[in-house]
Amino acid sequence: MQENKPILVVGLGNPGAEYARTRHNVGFMAVEYLAGDDATWKSEHEAMTYHTIAGGQKVIFARPMTFMNLSGNAVGALARFYKVPLENIIVIHDDMDVKVGAVKEKVGGGSAGHNGIKSIDAAVGADYRRVRIGIGHPRDYNLQIDPADWVLGRIDDEQMPAIAAAIKTIKLF
């Protein structure tokens, strides 16, 4: 992390009420939780953002308002406008290969087929911090459904407490 440079914390999801409690929107849920109930969001660079100071550094929370596979548009525009170095970008997103309720982190790597990550990689490069929130895979539940339908499906009442608890464990600094 470069000190004295802004930190961009991006939660991935899809805009619109119909996606509000879907597995693909756990990134939005996490960023909203981390920003806090008093956050005042504004629209800029194809995203809803909230600016604050934490630990002596400017922190910009963002929810791209493009659909998932165009998330890089907002992330790239925000990073360029606010001169955020790649190592100061944190992207929080859903991951089917992580068990429900688990959080894993890494810097860089592949997209594992996640279209939001592919878009961001194309816009800014791949060596940013990724916080992956587990949403499980349909095969974990012996379900024969398309993974795209799974990620766009609503989080059920059994999974929501585990996902909410996972979000509460995320530490930005």
N, C-alpha and C. Protein backbone atom coordinates (compact mmCIF):
# COMPACT_ATOMS: atom_id res chain seq x y z
N MET A 1 0.85 -1.17 0.00
CA MET A 1 0.00 0.00 0.00
C MET A 1 0.89 1.23 0.00
N GLN A 2 0.63 2.13 -0.92
CA GLN A 2 1.38 3.38 -0.95
C GLN A 2 0.70 4.39 -0.03
N GLU A 3 1.44 4.83 0.99
CA GLU A 3 0.91 5.84 1.89
C GLU A 3 0.80 7.17 1.15
N ASN A 4 -0.09 8.02 1.64
CA ASN A 4 -0.35 9.34 1.07
C ASN A 4 -0.97 9.27 -0.32
N LYS A 5 -1.41 8.11 -0.73
CA LYS A 5 -2.16 7.95 -1.98
C LYS A 5 -3.53 7.39 -1.60
N PRO A 6 -4.57 7.75 -2.34
CA PRO A 6 -5.90 7.23 -2.01
C PRO A 6 -5.97 5.71 -2.11
N ILE A 7 -6.88 5.15 -1.34
CA ILE A 7 -7.19 3.72 -1.40
C ILE A 7 -8.57 3.61 -2.03
N LEU A 8 -8.68 2.79 -3.04
CA LEU A 8 -9.96 2.57 -3.73
C LEU A 8 -10.47 1.19 -3.34
N VAL A 9 -11.61 1.15 -2.64
CA VAL A 9 -12.22 -0.11 -2.21
C VAL A 9 -13.48 -0.31 -3.04
N VAL A 10 -13.45 -1.31 -3.91
CA VAL A 10 -14.54 -1.53 -4.86
C VAL A 10 -15.28 -2.81 -4.50
N GLY A 11 -16.58 -2.70 -4.37
CA GLY A 11 -17.43 -3.87 -4.19
C GLY A 11 -18.12 -4.17 -5.50
N LEU A 12 -18.04 -5.40 -5.96
CA LEU A 12 -18.65 -5.74 -7.24
C LEU A 12 -20.09 -6.23 -7.06
N GLY A 13 -20.90 -5.89 -8.04
CA GLY A 13 -22.30 -6.29 -8.06
C GLY A 13 -22.95 -5.78 -9.32
N ASN A 14 -24.25 -5.97 -9.40
CA ASN A 14 -25.04 -5.44 -10.50
C ASN A 14 -25.99 -4.39 -9.96
N PRO A 15 -26.18 -3.30 -10.69
CA PRO A 15 -27.10 -2.27 -10.21
C PRO A 15 -28.56 -2.70 -10.38
N GLY A 16 -29.41 -2.15 -9.54
CA GLY A 16 -30.84 -2.40 -9.66
C GLY A 16 -31.38 -3.24 -8.52
N ALA A 17 -32.60 -2.91 -8.13
CA ALA A 17 -33.24 -3.59 -7.00
C ALA A 17 -33.39 -5.09 -7.21
N GLU A 18 -33.56 -5.52 -8.47
CA GLU A 18 -33.75 -6.95 -8.73
C GLU A 18 -32.51 -7.79 -8.41
N TYR A 19 -31.35 -7.15 -8.25
CA TYR A 19 -30.10 -7.86 -7.94
C TYR A 19 -29.67 -7.69 -6.48
N ALA A 20 -30.44 -6.96 -5.69
CA ALA A 20 -30.02 -6.54 -4.36
C ALA A 20 -29.55 -7.67 -3.45
N ARG A 21 -30.19 -8.79 -3.42
CA ARG A 21 -29.80 -9.86 -2.50
C ARG A 21 -29.32 -11.10 -3.26
N THR A 22 -28.68 -10.87 -4.40
CA THR A 22 -28.16 -12.00 -5.17
C THR A 22 -26.72 -12.28 -4.75
N ARG A 23 -26.27 -13.48 -5.03
CA ARG A 23 -24.91 -13.89 -4.66
C ARG A 23 -23.87 -13.02 -5.36
N HIS A 24 -24.15 -12.61 -6.59
CA HIS A 24 -23.21 -11.78 -7.34
C HIS A 24 -23.03 -10.40 -6.70
N ASN A 25 -23.92 -10.01 -5.80
CA ASN A 25 -23.86 -8.68 -5.20
C ASN A 25 -23.26 -8.65 -3.81
N VAL A 26 -22.59 -9.71 -3.38
CA VAL A 26 -21.99 -9.67 -2.04
C VAL A 26 -20.90 -8.60 -1.95
N GLY A 27 -20.27 -8.25 -3.06
CA GLY A 27 -19.29 -7.16 -3.04
C GLY A 27 -19.94 -5.83 -2.69
N PHE A 28 -21.11 -5.56 -3.26
CA PHE A 28 -21.86 -4.35 -2.91
C PHE A 28 -22.19 -4.37 -1.41
N MET A 29 -22.68 -5.52 -0.93
CA MET A 29 -23.05 -5.64 0.48
C MET A 29 -21.86 -5.33 1.38
N ALA A 30 -20.70 -5.86 1.02
CA ALA A 30 -19.49 -5.67 1.83
C ALA A 30 -19.07 -4.20 1.86
N VAL A 31 -19.06 -3.55 0.71
CA VAL A 31 -18.64 -2.15 0.65
C VAL A 31 -19.62 -1.26 1.42
N GLU A 32 -20.89 -1.56 1.32
CA GLU A 32 -21.88 -0.78 2.07
C GLU A 32 -21.67 -0.95 3.56
N TYR A 33 -21.38 -2.18 4.01
CA TYR A 33 -21.10 -2.43 5.42
C TYR A 33 -19.83 -1.69 5.86
N LEU A 34 -18.77 -1.81 5.09
CA LEU A 34 -17.49 -1.19 5.45
C LEU A 34 -17.57 0.34 5.45
N ALA A 35 -18.34 0.91 4.55
CA ALA A 35 -18.49 2.36 4.49
C ALA A 35 -19.30 2.87 5.68
N GLY A 36 -20.20 2.07 6.20
CA GLY A 36 -20.98 2.45 7.37
C GLY A 36 -22.34 3.03 7.03
N ASP A 37 -23.21 3.01 8.01
CA ASP A 37 -24.59 3.47 7.82
C ASP A 37 -24.70 4.95 7.50
N ASP A 38 -23.71 5.74 7.92
CA ASP A 38 -23.77 7.18 7.70
C ASP A 38 -23.18 7.62 6.36
N ALA A 39 -22.75 6.68 5.55
CA ALA A 39 -22.12 7.01 4.27
C ALA A 39 -23.09 7.77 3.37
N THR A 40 -22.59 8.81 2.76
CA THR A 40 -23.35 9.58 1.78
C THR A 40 -22.74 9.29 0.41
N TRP A 41 -23.47 8.60 -0.42
CA TRP A 41 -22.98 8.15 -1.70
C TRP A 41 -23.28 9.18 -2.78
N LYS A 42 -22.35 9.31 -3.73
CA LYS A 42 -22.58 10.20 -4.87
C LYS A 42 -22.23 9.45 -6.15
N SER A 43 -22.79 9.93 -7.24
CA SER A 43 -22.56 9.29 -8.54
C SER A 43 -21.40 9.98 -9.25
N GLU A 44 -20.41 9.20 -9.67
CA GLU A 44 -19.29 9.72 -10.45
C GLU A 44 -18.60 8.56 -11.16
N HIS A 45 -18.11 8.83 -12.35
CA HIS A 45 -17.31 7.86 -13.11
C HIS A 45 -17.98 6.49 -13.20
N GLU A 46 -19.27 6.46 -13.50
CA GLU A 46 -20.02 5.22 -13.65
C GLU A 46 -20.07 4.39 -12.37
N ALA A 47 -20.01 5.07 -11.22
CA ALA A 47 -20.05 4.37 -9.94
C ALA A 47 -20.74 5.25 -8.90
N MET A 48 -21.20 4.60 -7.85
CA MET A 48 -21.62 5.30 -6.65
C MET A 48 -20.42 5.25 -5.71
N THR A 49 -20.01 6.41 -5.20
CA THR A 49 -18.82 6.46 -4.36
C THR A 49 -19.10 7.17 -3.04
N TYR A 50 -18.29 6.83 -2.07
CA TYR A 50 -18.30 7.49 -0.77
C TYR A 50 -16.85 7.73 -0.40
N HIS A 51 -16.51 8.98 -0.11
CA HIS A 51 -15.15 9.37 0.23
C HIS A 51 -15.04 9.61 1.73
N THR A 52 -13.97 9.13 2.34
CA THR A 52 -13.75 9.34 3.75
C THR A 52 -12.25 9.31 4.04
N ILE A 53 -11.88 9.56 5.28
CA ILE A 53 -10.49 9.44 5.73
C ILE A 53 -10.46 8.34 6.77
N ALA A 54 -9.55 7.40 6.62
CA ALA A 54 -9.38 6.31 7.59
C ALA A 54 -7.89 6.05 7.74
N GLY A 55 -7.44 5.98 8.97
CA GLY A 55 -6.01 5.74 9.20
C GLY A 55 -5.14 6.82 8.58
N GLY A 56 -5.66 8.02 8.46
CA GLY A 56 -4.90 9.13 7.90
C GLY A 56 -4.84 9.14 6.38
N GLN A 57 -5.53 8.21 5.73
CA GLN A 57 -5.51 8.15 4.27
C GLN A 57 -6.91 8.34 3.70
N LYS A 58 -6.95 8.92 2.51
CA LYS A 58 -8.23 9.05 1.81
C LYS A 58 -8.64 7.66 1.33
N VAL A 59 -9.90 7.31 1.60
CA VAL A 59 -10.46 6.03 1.16
C VAL A 59 -11.69 6.34 0.33
N ILE A 60 -11.74 5.74 -0.85
CA ILE A 60 -12.89 5.90 -1.74
C ILE A 60 -13.55 4.53 -1.85
N PHE A 61 -14.77 4.43 -1.33
CA PHE A 61 -15.56 3.22 -1.49
C PHE A 61 -16.35 3.37 -2.78
N ALA A 62 -16.46 2.30 -3.56
CA ALA A 62 -17.15 2.40 -4.85
C ALA A 62 -17.97 1.15 -5.14
N ARG A 63 -19.13 1.41 -5.75
CA ARG A 63 -19.98 0.35 -6.30
C ARG A 63 -20.19 0.71 -7.77
N PRO A 64 -19.54 0.00 -8.70
CA PRO A 64 -19.75 0.30 -10.13
C PRO A 64 -21.22 0.18 -10.50
N MET A 65 -21.72 1.12 -11.27
CA MET A 65 -23.12 1.11 -11.68
C MET A 65 -23.30 0.58 -13.10
N THR A 66 -22.22 0.04 -13.65
CA THR A 66 -22.32 -0.71 -14.90
C THR A 66 -22.70 -2.13 -14.50
N PHE A 67 -23.04 -2.97 -15.42
CA PHE A 67 -23.25 -4.35 -15.04
C PHE A 67 -21.88 -5.00 -14.81
N MET A 68 -21.90 -6.15 -14.14
CA MET A 68 -20.68 -6.81 -13.66
C MET A 68 -19.58 -6.87 -14.71
N ASN A 69 -19.88 -7.30 -15.93
CA ASN A 69 -18.82 -7.51 -16.91
C ASN A 69 -18.26 -6.22 -17.49
N LEU A 70 -18.72 -5.06 -17.00
CA LEU A 70 -18.14 -3.78 -17.40
C LEU A 70 -17.59 -3.02 -16.18
N SER A 71 -17.37 -3.71 -15.09
CA SER A 71 -16.88 -3.08 -13.85
C SER A 71 -15.57 -2.33 -14.06
N GLY A 72 -14.75 -2.80 -14.96
CA GLY A 72 -13.46 -2.15 -15.22
C GLY A 72 -13.60 -0.71 -15.69
N ASN A 73 -14.72 -0.38 -16.36
CA ASN A 73 -14.93 1.00 -16.81
C ASN A 73 -14.87 1.95 -15.62
N ALA A 74 -15.63 1.65 -14.58
CA ALA A 74 -15.68 2.50 -13.39
C ALA A 74 -14.36 2.45 -12.62
N VAL A 75 -13.83 1.25 -12.42
CA VAL A 75 -12.59 1.12 -11.64
C VAL A 75 -11.45 1.85 -12.33
N GLY A 76 -11.32 1.68 -13.62
CA GLY A 76 -10.26 2.37 -14.37
C GLY A 76 -10.41 3.87 -14.30
N ALA A 77 -11.63 4.37 -14.50
CA ALA A 77 -11.87 5.82 -14.47
C ALA A 77 -11.57 6.40 -13.10
N LEU A 78 -12.02 5.73 -12.05
CA LEU A 78 -11.76 6.22 -10.68
C LEU A 78 -10.27 6.19 -10.36
N ALA A 79 -9.61 5.10 -10.71
CA ALA A 79 -8.17 4.97 -10.42
C ALA A 79 -7.37 6.05 -11.14
N ARG A 80 -7.71 6.33 -12.39
CA ARG A 80 -7.00 7.38 -13.13
C ARG A 80 -7.30 8.77 -12.57
N PHE A 81 -8.58 9.05 -12.33
CA PHE A 81 -8.97 10.39 -11.86
C PHE A 81 -8.36 10.72 -10.51
N TYR A 82 -8.37 9.76 -9.58
CA TYR A 82 -7.85 10.00 -8.23
C TYR A 82 -6.40 9.57 -8.06
N LYS A 83 -5.77 9.15 -9.15
CA LYS A 83 -4.36 8.73 -9.13
C LYS A 83 -4.10 7.66 -8.06
N VAL A 84 -4.92 6.62 -8.12
CA VAL A 84 -4.80 5.51 -7.17
C VAL A 84 -3.84 4.48 -7.76
N PRO A 85 -2.72 4.21 -7.08
CA PRO A 85 -1.81 3.18 -7.59
C PRO A 85 -2.45 1.79 -7.50
N LEU A 86 -2.05 0.90 -8.37
CA LEU A 86 -2.62 -0.44 -8.43
C LEU A 86 -2.60 -1.14 -7.08
N GLU A 87 -1.51 -0.97 -6.33
CA GLU A 87 -1.42 -1.66 -5.03
C GLU A 87 -2.36 -1.07 -3.98
N ASN A 88 -3.02 0.06 -4.28
CA ASN A 88 -4.00 0.66 -3.37
C ASN A 88 -5.44 0.38 -3.80
N ILE A 89 -5.61 -0.53 -4.74
CA ILE A 89 -6.95 -0.93 -5.15
C ILE A 89 -7.29 -2.25 -4.47
N ILE A 90 -8.46 -2.27 -3.83
CA ILE A 90 -8.98 -3.47 -3.18
C ILE A 90 -10.33 -3.77 -3.83
N VAL A 91 -10.48 -4.96 -4.37
CA VAL A 91 -11.74 -5.35 -5.01
C VAL A 91 -12.35 -6.49 -4.19
N ILE A 92 -13.60 -6.30 -3.79
CA ILE A 92 -14.32 -7.31 -3.00
C ILE A 92 -15.39 -7.92 -3.90
N HIS A 93 -15.38 -9.24 -4.00
CA HIS A 93 -16.30 -9.90 -4.93
C HIS A 93 -16.68 -11.30 -4.48
N ASP A 94 -17.71 -11.83 -5.10
CA ASP A 94 -18.18 -13.19 -4.84
C ASP A 94 -17.23 -14.20 -5.48
N ASP A 95 -17.17 -15.38 -4.86
CA ASP A 95 -16.35 -16.46 -5.43
C ASP A 95 -17.05 -17.79 -5.19
N MET A 96 -17.42 -18.47 -6.27
CA MET A 96 -18.09 -19.77 -6.18
C MET A 96 -17.16 -20.87 -5.69
N ASP A 97 -15.86 -20.68 -5.84
CA ASP A 97 -14.92 -21.72 -5.44
C ASP A 97 -14.50 -21.61 -3.98
N VAL A 98 -15.14 -20.71 -3.25
CA VAL A 98 -14.90 -20.54 -1.82
C VAL A 98 -16.21 -20.88 -1.11
N LYS A 99 -16.12 -21.68 -0.05
CA LYS A 99 -17.30 -22.11 0.70
C LYS A 99 -18.06 -20.90 1.25
N VAL A 100 -19.36 -21.03 1.34
CA VAL A 100 -20.21 -19.97 1.89
C VAL A 100 -19.70 -19.61 3.29
N GLY A 101 -19.51 -18.32 3.51
CA GLY A 101 -19.09 -17.84 4.82
C GLY A 101 -17.59 -17.71 4.99
N ALA A 102 -16.83 -18.10 4.01
CA ALA A 102 -15.37 -17.98 4.09
C ALA A 102 -14.93 -16.75 3.29
N VAL A 103 -13.81 -16.18 3.71
CA VAL A 103 -13.21 -15.05 3.00
C VAL A 103 -11.77 -15.43 2.70
N LYS A 104 -11.35 -15.21 1.47
CA LYS A 104 -9.97 -15.46 1.07
C LYS A 104 -9.44 -14.21 0.38
N GLU A 105 -8.16 -13.97 0.56
CA GLU A 105 -7.54 -12.81 -0.07
C GLU A 105 -6.33 -13.22 -0.86
N LYS A 106 -6.06 -12.43 -1.90
CA LYS A 106 -4.84 -12.62 -2.66
C LYS A 106 -4.55 -11.34 -3.42
N VAL A 107 -3.35 -11.24 -3.91
CA VAL A 107 -2.97 -10.13 -4.78
C VAL A 107 -2.70 -10.73 -6.15
N GLY A 108 -3.35 -10.18 -7.17
CA GLY A 108 -3.15 -10.66 -8.53
C GLY A 108 -3.75 -12.02 -8.76
N GLY A 109 -3.35 -12.61 -9.85
CA GLY A 109 -3.85 -13.93 -10.21
C GLY A 109 -4.82 -13.85 -11.36
N GLY A 110 -5.40 -14.98 -11.66
CA GLY A 110 -6.36 -15.05 -12.77
C GLY A 110 -7.75 -14.66 -12.33
N SER A 111 -8.66 -14.67 -13.26
CA SER A 111 -10.03 -14.25 -12.99
C SER A 111 -10.92 -15.40 -12.52
N ALA A 112 -10.49 -16.64 -12.72
CA ALA A 112 -11.30 -17.83 -12.42
C ALA A 112 -12.68 -17.74 -13.08
N GLY A 113 -12.73 -17.08 -14.24
CA GLY A 113 -13.97 -16.97 -14.98
C GLY A 113 -14.91 -15.86 -14.52
N HIS A 114 -14.50 -15.09 -13.52
CA HIS A 114 -15.35 -14.01 -13.00
C HIS A 114 -15.27 -12.82 -13.96
N ASN A 115 -16.39 -12.49 -14.59
CA ASN A 115 -16.39 -11.44 -15.61
C ASN A 115 -16.08 -10.06 -15.08
N GLY A 116 -16.45 -9.76 -13.85
CA GLY A 116 -16.10 -8.47 -13.25
C GLY A 116 -14.60 -8.33 -13.09
N ILE A 117 -13.96 -9.40 -12.64
CA ILE A 117 -12.50 -9.40 -12.46
C ILE A 117 -11.81 -9.30 -13.82
N LYS A 118 -12.32 -10.03 -14.82
CA LYS A 118 -11.74 -9.93 -16.17
C LYS A 118 -11.77 -8.49 -16.66
N SER A 119 -12.87 -7.81 -16.44
CA SER A 119 -13.03 -6.42 -16.89
C SER A 119 -12.06 -5.49 -16.17
N ILE A 120 -11.91 -5.69 -14.87
CA ILE A 120 -11.00 -4.84 -14.10
C ILE A 120 -9.55 -5.11 -14.51
N ASP A 121 -9.21 -6.39 -14.67
CA ASP A 121 -7.86 -6.74 -15.12
C ASP A 121 -7.52 -6.04 -16.44
N ALA A 122 -8.48 -6.02 -17.36
CA ALA A 122 -8.26 -5.38 -18.66
C ALA A 122 -8.11 -3.87 -18.52
N ALA A 123 -8.77 -3.28 -17.53
CA ALA A 123 -8.75 -1.83 -17.37
C ALA A 123 -7.53 -1.31 -16.61
N VAL A 124 -7.08 -2.06 -15.59
CA VAL A 124 -6.00 -1.52 -14.74
C VAL A 124 -4.82 -2.47 -14.55
N GLY A 125 -4.94 -3.71 -14.98
CA GLY A 125 -3.92 -4.71 -14.70
C GLY A 125 -4.44 -5.64 -13.62
N ALA A 126 -3.68 -6.67 -13.30
CA ALA A 126 -4.17 -7.73 -12.41
C ALA A 126 -3.62 -7.69 -11.00
N ASP A 127 -2.61 -6.87 -10.72
CA ASP A 127 -1.92 -6.96 -9.44
C ASP A 127 -2.52 -6.05 -8.36
N TYR A 128 -3.82 -6.18 -8.13
CA TYR A 128 -4.49 -5.47 -7.05
C TYR A 128 -4.95 -6.51 -6.03
N ARG A 129 -5.32 -6.04 -4.85
CA ARG A 129 -5.77 -6.94 -3.78
C ARG A 129 -7.21 -7.36 -4.04
N ARG A 130 -7.45 -8.65 -3.91
CA ARG A 130 -8.79 -9.21 -4.12
C ARG A 130 -9.26 -9.85 -2.82
N VAL A 131 -10.43 -9.47 -2.40
CA VAL A 131 -11.06 -10.07 -1.22
C VAL A 131 -12.25 -10.86 -1.76
N ARG A 132 -12.15 -12.18 -1.63
CA ARG A 132 -13.14 -13.08 -2.22
C ARG A 132 -14.06 -13.63 -1.13
N ILE A 133 -15.34 -13.37 -1.29
CA ILE A 133 -16.34 -13.84 -0.33
C ILE A 133 -17.00 -15.08 -0.90
N GLY A 134 -16.96 -16.16 -0.13
CA GLY A 134 -17.50 -17.43 -0.60
C GLY A 134 -19.01 -17.42 -0.72
N ILE A 135 -19.49 -17.85 -1.89
CA ILE A 135 -20.93 -18.02 -2.11
C ILE A 135 -21.25 -19.49 -2.40
N GLY A 136 -20.22 -20.34 -2.37
CA GLY A 136 -20.42 -21.75 -2.67
C GLY A 136 -20.74 -21.97 -4.14
N HIS A 137 -20.77 -23.21 -4.49
CA HIS A 137 -21.03 -23.64 -5.88
C HIS A 137 -22.29 -24.49 -5.86
N PRO A 138 -23.09 -24.48 -6.92
CA PRO A 138 -24.29 -25.32 -6.93
C PRO A 138 -23.99 -26.80 -6.64
N ARG A 139 -22.82 -27.28 -7.06
CA ARG A 139 -22.49 -28.69 -6.82
C ARG A 139 -22.34 -28.98 -5.32
N ASP A 140 -22.01 -27.93 -4.51
CA ASP A 140 -21.93 -28.12 -3.05
C ASP A 140 -23.28 -28.52 -2.47
N TYR A 141 -24.34 -28.20 -3.20
CA TYR A 141 -25.70 -28.46 -2.74
C TYR A 141 -26.40 -29.51 -3.62
N ASN A 142 -25.59 -30.21 -4.43
CA ASN A 142 -26.11 -31.22 -5.35
C ASN A 142 -27.18 -30.65 -6.28
N LEU A 143 -26.96 -29.43 -6.73
CA LEU A 143 -27.90 -28.78 -7.64
C LEU A 143 -27.35 -28.84 -9.05
N GLN A 144 -28.20 -29.13 -9.98
CA GLN A 144 -27.83 -29.19 -11.39
C GLN A 144 -28.30 -27.91 -12.08
N ILE A 145 -27.72 -26.78 -11.70
CA ILE A 145 -28.11 -25.52 -12.34
C ILE A 145 -26.86 -24.84 -12.90
N ASP A 146 -27.09 -24.03 -13.89
CA ASP A 146 -26.01 -23.29 -14.52
C ASP A 146 -25.37 -22.35 -13.49
N PRO A 147 -24.03 -22.30 -13.43
CA PRO A 147 -23.38 -21.40 -12.49
C PRO A 147 -23.81 -19.93 -12.64
N ALA A 148 -24.13 -19.50 -13.87
CA ALA A 148 -24.61 -18.12 -14.07
C ALA A 148 -25.93 -17.91 -13.34
N ASP A 149 -26.80 -18.92 -13.37
CA ASP A 149 -28.06 -18.81 -12.64
C ASP A 149 -27.82 -18.82 -11.13
N TRP A 150 -26.81 -19.55 -10.70
CA TRP A 150 -26.48 -19.61 -9.28
C TRP A 150 -26.04 -18.23 -8.77
N VAL A 151 -25.10 -17.60 -9.46
CA VAL A 151 -24.59 -16.31 -8.97
C VAL A 151 -25.66 -15.23 -9.03
N LEU A 152 -26.58 -15.33 -9.98
CA LEU A 152 -27.66 -14.35 -10.08
C LEU A 152 -28.86 -14.70 -9.22
N GLY A 153 -28.77 -15.85 -8.54
CA GLY A 153 -29.85 -16.28 -7.65
C GLY A 153 -29.79 -15.54 -6.32
N ARG A 154 -30.93 -15.49 -5.67
CA ARG A 154 -31.04 -14.81 -4.40
C ARG A 154 -30.39 -15.64 -3.29
N ILE A 155 -29.75 -14.96 -2.36
CA ILE A 155 -29.15 -15.61 -1.20
C ILE A 155 -30.29 -16.05 -0.30
N ASP A 156 -30.30 -17.33 0.06
CA ASP A 156 -31.41 -17.82 0.88
C ASP A 156 -31.16 -17.52 2.36
N ASP A 157 -32.19 -17.72 3.15
CA ASP A 157 -32.13 -17.37 4.58
C ASP A 157 -31.12 -18.22 5.35
N GLU A 158 -30.80 -19.40 4.85
CA GLU A 158 -29.79 -20.24 5.51
C GLU A 158 -28.38 -19.73 5.25
N GLN A 159 -28.13 -19.19 4.06
CA GLN A 159 -26.78 -18.73 3.70
C GLN A 159 -26.50 -17.30 4.16
N MET A 160 -27.53 -16.46 4.28
CA MET A 160 -27.32 -15.05 4.57
C MET A 160 -26.55 -14.80 5.87
N PRO A 161 -26.84 -15.49 6.98
CA PRO A 161 -26.06 -15.24 8.20
C PRO A 161 -24.56 -15.52 8.02
N ALA A 162 -24.22 -16.57 7.28
CA ALA A 162 -22.81 -16.90 7.06
C ALA A 162 -22.13 -15.84 6.19
N ILE A 163 -22.83 -15.36 5.18
CA ILE A 163 -22.26 -14.32 4.32
C ILE A 163 -22.12 -13.01 5.08
N ALA A 164 -23.13 -12.65 5.87
CA ALA A 164 -23.05 -11.42 6.68
C ALA A 164 -21.89 -11.51 7.68
N ALA A 165 -21.72 -12.66 8.30
CA ALA A 165 -20.61 -12.84 9.25
C ALA A 165 -19.27 -12.75 8.54
N ALA A 166 -19.18 -13.31 7.33
CA ALA A 166 -17.94 -13.24 6.56
C ALA A 166 -17.59 -11.79 6.25
N ILE A 167 -18.57 -11.02 5.84
CA ILE A 167 -18.35 -9.61 5.51
C ILE A 167 -17.79 -8.86 6.71
N LYS A 168 -18.28 -9.17 7.88
CA LYS A 168 -17.84 -8.48 9.12
C LYS A 168 -16.38 -8.80 9.47
N THR A 169 -15.81 -9.85 8.87
CA THR A 169 -14.41 -10.18 9.17
C THR A 169 -13.41 -9.45 8.28
N ILE A 170 -13.89 -8.77 7.25
CA ILE A 170 -13.00 -8.13 6.29
C ILE A 170 -12.27 -6.95 6.95
N LYS A 171 -10.96 -6.95 6.85
CA LYS A 171 -10.11 -5.87 7.37
C LYS A 171 -9.42 -5.23 6.18
N LEU A 172 -9.58 -3.93 6.05
CA LEU A 172 -8.97 -3.23 4.92
C LEU A 172 -7.51 -2.88 5.18
N PHE A 173 -7.17 -2.62 6.42
CA PHE A 173 -5.80 -2.17 6.74
C PHE A 173 -5.14 -3.13 7.70
